[in-house]
Protein backbone atom coordinates (compact mmCIF):
# COMPACT_ATOMS: atom_id res chain seq x y z
CA UNK A 1 0.39 0.00 -0.39
CA UNK A 2 1.06 3.29 -0.89
CA UNK A 3 1.62 5.42 1.84
CA UNK A 4 -0.16 8.85 1.03
CA UNK A 5 -3.22 6.26 0.34
CA UNK A 6 -2.74 5.32 4.05
CA UNK A 7 -2.45 8.98 4.90
CA UNK A 8 -5.65 10.14 2.94
CA UNK A 9 -7.50 7.73 3.93
CA UNK A 10 -7.64 8.51 7.33
CA UNK A 11 -7.29 11.90 7.58
CA UNK A 12 -8.17 14.39 4.31
CA UNK A 13 -4.44 16.07 3.99
CA UNK A 14 -3.89 18.59 1.55
CA UNK A 15 -1.44 18.19 -1.01
CA UNK A 16 1.31 20.42 0.83
CA UNK A 17 0.98 18.45 3.69
CA UNK A 18 0.85 15.40 2.62
CA UNK A 19 4.00 16.13 0.18
CA UNK A 20 5.76 17.69 3.53
CA UNK A 21 4.99 14.87 5.56
CA UNK A 22 6.56 12.51 2.84
CA UNK A 23 9.36 14.37 2.79
CA UNK A 24 9.85 13.11 6.50
CA UNK A 25 10.36 9.41 5.86
CA UNK A 26 12.87 7.93 4.24
CA UNK A 27 12.11 5.03 1.69
CA UNK A 28 14.21 1.71 2.94
CA UNK A 29 14.58 -1.89 0.96
CA UNK A 30 15.32 -4.13 4.11
CA UNK A 31 16.04 -7.66 3.47
CA UNK A 32 14.74 -10.52 4.98
CA UNK A 33 15.20 -11.60 8.64
CA UNK A 34 16.97 -8.48 9.53
CA UNK A 35 17.41 -7.09 13.04
CA UNK A 36 15.39 -3.45 13.01
CA UNK A 37 15.59 -2.88 17.50
CA UNK A 38 16.91 -5.38 19.76
CA UNK A 39 15.59 -6.22 23.26
CA UNK A 40 16.98 -3.67 25.55
CA UNK A 41 17.74 -0.68 23.04
CA UNK A 42 15.69 2.40 22.48
CA UNK A 43 13.49 2.22 19.06
CA UNK A 44 14.09 5.08 17.61
CA UNK A 45 12.54 4.68 14.28
CA UNK A 46 8.73 3.99 13.72
CA UNK A 47 8.45 2.00 10.21
CA UNK A 48 5.12 2.29 7.66
CA UNK A 49 5.17 -1.21 5.46
CA UNK A 50 4.97 -0.81 2.04
CA UNK A 51 5.69 -4.08 1.13
CA UNK A 52 6.53 -6.91 3.47
CA UNK A 53 5.95 -8.44 6.45
CA UNK A 54 7.40 -8.27 10.28
CA UNK A 55 7.17 -8.93 13.72
CA UNK A 56 8.04 -8.39 17.36
CA UNK A 57 9.19 -10.94 19.48
CA UNK A 58 10.75 -12.12 22.96
CA UNK A 59 12.71 -14.25 24.07
CA UNK A 60 11.97 -16.72 26.97
CA UNK A 61 14.93 -17.64 29.76
CA UNK A 62 15.48 -21.14 27.92
CA UNK A 63 16.03 -19.21 24.49
CA UNK A 64 13.00 -20.04 22.56
CA UNK A 65 11.40 -17.16 20.35
CA UNK A 66 7.80 -15.62 21.12
CA UNK A 67 6.05 -13.80 18.48
CA UNK A 68 4.35 -10.76 19.92
CA UNK A 69 2.87 -9.55 17.12
CA UNK A 70 3.20 -9.55 12.84
CA UNK A 71 3.18 -6.44 10.46
CA UNK A 72 2.16 -6.84 7.38
CA UNK A 73 1.92 -4.66 4.58
CA UNK A 74 -0.11 -0.86 4.83
CA UNK A 75 0.28 -0.96 8.85
CA UNK A 76 2.72 0.81 10.75
CA UNK A 77 5.62 -1.13 13.07
CA UNK A 78 7.42 -0.68 15.62
CA UNK A 79 8.27 -1.67 19.29
CA UNK A 80 5.87 1.38 20.28
CA UNK A 81 6.01 1.45 23.48
CA UNK A 82 9.89 1.97 23.24
CA UNK A 83 9.38 4.17 20.17
CA UNK A 84 7.02 6.80 22.24
CA UNK A 85 8.41 7.04 25.85
CA UNK A 86 12.22 6.59 24.47
CA UNK A 87 12.80 3.38 27.16
CA UNK A 88 14.49 0.44 26.42
CA UNK A 89 12.13 -2.30 24.15
CA UNK A 90 10.72 -5.58 25.60
CA UNK A 91 10.84 -7.09 22.28
CA UNK A 92 12.80 -7.79 19.12
CA UNK A 93 11.89 -6.30 15.81
CA UNK A 94 12.23 -7.87 12.45
CA UNK A 95 11.17 -8.21 9.07
CA UNK A 96 10.42 -11.31 7.56
CA UNK A 97 10.99 -11.26 4.32
CA UNK A 98 12.36 -9.00 1.75
CA UNK A 99 10.76 -5.52 2.51
CA UNK A 100 10.21 -1.78 1.50
CA UNK A 101 9.60 0.65 4.64
CA UNK A 102 9.10 3.88 5.12
CA UNK A 103 10.73 5.22 8.15
CA UNK A 104 11.03 8.47 10.41
CA UNK A 105 12.62 9.32 13.58
CA UNK A 106 11.12 10.32 16.80
CA UNK A 107 12.03 13.53 16.42
CA UNK A 108 10.91 14.02 12.94
CA UNK A 109 7.32 12.44 13.82
CA UNK A 110 7.56 14.99 16.94
CA UNK A 111 7.79 17.70 14.50
CA UNK A 112 5.21 16.39 12.50
CA UNK A 113 2.40 16.22 15.32
CA UNK A 114 3.79 19.79 16.55
CA UNK A 115 3.01 20.98 12.71
CA UNK A 116 0.29 19.53 11.72
CA UNK A 117 -2.71 18.82 14.09
CA UNK A 118 -4.17 16.28 11.66
CA UNK A 119 -1.09 14.35 12.79
CA UNK A 120 -1.91 14.29 16.08
CA UNK A 121 -5.79 13.13 14.85
CA UNK A 122 -3.64 10.38 12.60
CA UNK A 123 -2.04 9.62 15.58
CA UNK A 124 -5.11 8.83 17.87
CA UNK A 125 -6.63 6.86 14.69
CA UNK A 126 -3.38 4.22 14.62
CA UNK A 127 -3.47 3.94 18.20
CA UNK A 128 -6.80 3.48 18.71
CA UNK A 129 -6.78 0.43 15.82
CA UNK A 130 -3.33 -0.86 17.46
CA UNK A 131 -4.58 -0.99 21.18
CA UNK A 132 -7.77 -2.34 19.77
CA UNK A 133 -6.16 -5.10 17.73
CA UNK A 134 -3.95 -5.87 20.72
CA UNK A 135 -7.27 -6.52 22.68
CA UNK A 136 -8.53 -8.92 20.13
CA UNK A 137 -5.17 -10.81 20.25
CA UNK A 138 -5.61 -11.24 24.85
CA UNK A 139 -9.28 -11.87 24.23
CA UNK A 140 -8.79 -14.29 21.60
CA UNK A 141 -5.48 -16.06 24.04
CA UNK A 142 -7.89 -16.33 26.92
CA UNK A 143 -11.07 -17.09 26.04
CA UNK A 144 -10.58 -19.23 22.53
CA UNK A 145 -9.88 -22.59 22.07
CA UNK A 146 -7.22 -23.20 19.75
CA UNK A 147 -9.05 -23.69 16.49
CA UNK A 148 -10.71 -20.28 17.33
CA UNK A 149 -7.34 -18.30 17.78
CA UNK A 150 -5.87 -19.74 14.66
CA UNK A 151 -9.37 -18.24 12.75
CA UNK A 152 -9.16 -14.96 14.62
CA UNK A 153 -5.14 -15.24 13.06
CA UNK A 154 -6.53 -16.00 9.60
CA UNK A 155 -9.09 -12.82 10.06
CA UNK A 156 -6.44 -10.21 11.25
CA UNK A 157 -3.91 -11.69 8.65
CA UNK A 158 -4.90 -13.21 5.53
CA UNK A 159 -1.69 -14.01 3.57
CA UNK A 160 0.32 -14.93 7.07
CA UNK A 161 0.62 -18.47 5.84
CA UNK A 162 2.46 -17.35 2.66
CA UNK A 163 4.69 -15.02 4.47
CA UNK A 164 5.52 -16.49 7.96
CA UNK A 165 7.05 -19.41 9.12
CA UNK A 166 4.70 -21.95 11.00
CA UNK A 167 7.04 -21.38 14.09
CA UNK A 168 6.13 -18.34 14.42
CA UNK A 169 2.61 -18.51 13.65
CA UNK A 170 2.21 -21.02 16.63
CA UNK A 171 3.89 -18.84 18.98
CA UNK A 172 1.58 -15.97 18.20
CA UNK A 173 -1.21 -18.14 19.10
CA UNK A 174 0.81 -19.64 22.27
CA UNK A 175 0.15 -23.55 20.77
CA UNK A 176 2.80 -26.12 19.62
CA UNK A 177 3.79 -26.74 16.29
CA UNK A 178 2.07 -29.75 16.01
CA UNK A 179 -1.22 -28.54 17.23
CA UNK A 180 -1.31 -25.53 14.69
CA UNK A 181 -0.36 -28.62 11.58
CA UNK A 182 -3.42 -30.53 13.24
CA UNK A 183 -5.76 -27.41 12.59
CA UNK A 184 -4.56 -26.39 9.39
CA UNK A 185 -4.52 -30.27 8.28
CA UNK A 186 -8.44 -30.48 9.02
CA UNK A 187 -8.70 -27.64 7.75
CA UNK A 188 -7.94 -28.10 3.99
CA UNK A 189 -9.63 -31.78 4.83
CA UNK A 190 -13.47 -29.69 5.22
């Protein structure tokens, strides 16, 4: 998804505003498996995914990776609490496939928020969407069966099976790869 279309879809920016906002972002071509943030680092960049897929994850004491979230095309990606509070990140942030990202620093986004009240509105709308999605995931993990969690994931990320390894999906859903494989097999048998 083109970044300017995303912005206009949410907030009616003028052409002049869009040109200025876009000038603050840098287009980056990021190779598969590149880490953007490491656990304990301060996240200094907010990304918009023009093309590709990313994830945030943490490591358990035994070294096992647990996927916290996926970020797909047309979405913002960051270690949000670290970025906005400039505190150490609890998560790693990586791209899962060759991706095209638009990036902006904390300093530059703050300049845009101060310059354009519509940017504040954009921030509120994006934050509300993200919070709603996080609450939906929390509800899915707490109250749904493994099959219902899988269906929820497909609703959130329809093309995920084409972009994400099975192990990452299983950890996101809080289940083993064997359980996820069984659910997927039963889905295709129907």
